[in-house]
């Protein structure tokens, strides 16, 4: 039983480390894309990038809990 639990825990850790994008949203003016990105950090954090490709993605949150995009302002 212990080996089965260890295998399950290992599988869960591997599965949670795969990058997953949640709730992508574009600002009302079309200039920004924000999304929640899980798997590249310990929790899902909010990221942002300009839609014209002029910047690199920026991580906006860094917490102990998962974040998601609920809404984005027009500008």
Protein backbone atom coordinates (compact mmCIF):
# COMPACT_ATOMS: atom_id res chain seq x y z
CA UNK A 1 0.00 0.00 0.00
CA UNK A 2 2.80 2.44 0.80
CA UNK A 3 4.37 1.90 -2.64
CA UNK A 4 0.98 2.52 -4.29
CA UNK A 5 0.56 5.80 -2.38
CA UNK A 6 4.08 6.92 -3.31
CA UNK A 7 3.38 6.14 -6.97
CA UNK A 8 0.13 8.11 -6.78
CA UNK A 9 1.89 11.07 -5.14
CA UNK A 10 4.64 11.00 -7.77
CA UNK A 11 2.07 10.88 -10.56
CA UNK A 12 0.13 13.79 -9.04
CA UNK A 13 3.33 15.86 -8.76
CA UNK A 14 4.27 15.14 -12.38
CA UNK A 15 0.74 15.91 -13.60
CA UNK A 16 0.60 19.23 -11.73
CA UNK A 17 3.91 20.33 -13.22
CA UNK A 18 2.59 20.31 -16.82
CA UNK A 19 2.02 23.90 -17.99
CA UNK A 20 -1.68 24.70 -18.26
CA UNK A 21 -3.25 27.99 -19.34
CA UNK A 22 -6.60 29.02 -17.83
CA UNK A 23 -8.98 31.89 -18.51
CA UNK A 24 -7.15 33.82 -21.25
CA UNK A 25 -8.73 37.28 -21.66
CA UNK A 26 -7.99 40.24 -23.93
CA UNK A 27 -8.44 43.80 -22.69
CA UNK A 28 -11.30 45.79 -24.18
CA UNK A 29 -8.90 47.92 -26.22
CA UNK A 30 -7.20 44.78 -27.57
CA UNK A 31 -3.73 45.78 -26.31
CA UNK A 32 -3.22 43.24 -23.51
CA UNK A 33 -3.67 39.50 -23.01
CA UNK A 34 -3.86 38.14 -19.45
CA UNK A 35 -4.14 34.53 -18.34
CA UNK A 36 -3.59 32.19 -15.43
CA UNK A 37 -0.62 29.88 -16.01
CA UNK A 38 -0.12 26.78 -13.88
CA UNK A 39 2.70 24.27 -13.93
CA UNK A 40 5.66 26.62 -14.35
CA UNK A 41 5.47 27.80 -10.74
CA UNK A 42 4.13 26.09 -7.62
CA UNK A 43 0.69 27.69 -8.06
CA UNK A 44 -1.34 29.17 -10.92
CA UNK A 45 -0.32 32.81 -11.30
CA UNK A 46 -1.57 35.65 -13.47
CA UNK A 47 0.53 36.63 -16.48
CA UNK A 48 0.22 39.51 -18.96
CA UNK A 49 1.68 40.34 -22.39
CA UNK A 50 1.04 43.01 -24.99
CA UNK A 51 -0.80 41.70 -28.03
CA UNK A 52 1.58 43.43 -30.44
CA UNK A 53 4.46 41.19 -29.32
CA UNK A 54 6.59 44.10 -28.10
CA UNK A 55 7.15 42.66 -24.61
CA UNK A 56 7.88 39.41 -22.83
CA UNK A 57 5.23 37.81 -20.58
CA UNK A 58 5.14 39.38 -17.11
CA UNK A 59 4.03 37.46 -14.00
CA UNK A 60 1.67 39.73 -12.05
CA UNK A 61 1.05 37.51 -9.01
CA UNK A 62 3.23 35.19 -6.95
CA UNK A 63 1.36 33.67 -4.05
CA UNK A 64 0.72 30.49 -2.09
CA UNK A 65 -2.71 29.99 -3.65
CA UNK A 66 -3.96 29.61 -7.21
CA UNK A 67 -5.13 32.72 -9.06
CA UNK A 68 -7.42 33.06 -12.05
CA UNK A 69 -8.52 35.90 -14.29
CA UNK A 70 -12.04 37.00 -13.38
CA UNK A 71 -12.17 40.12 -15.55
CA UNK A 72 -9.92 42.64 -17.28
CA UNK A 73 -10.53 46.36 -17.66
CA UNK A 74 -11.08 48.06 -20.98
CA UNK A 75 -7.65 49.69 -20.91
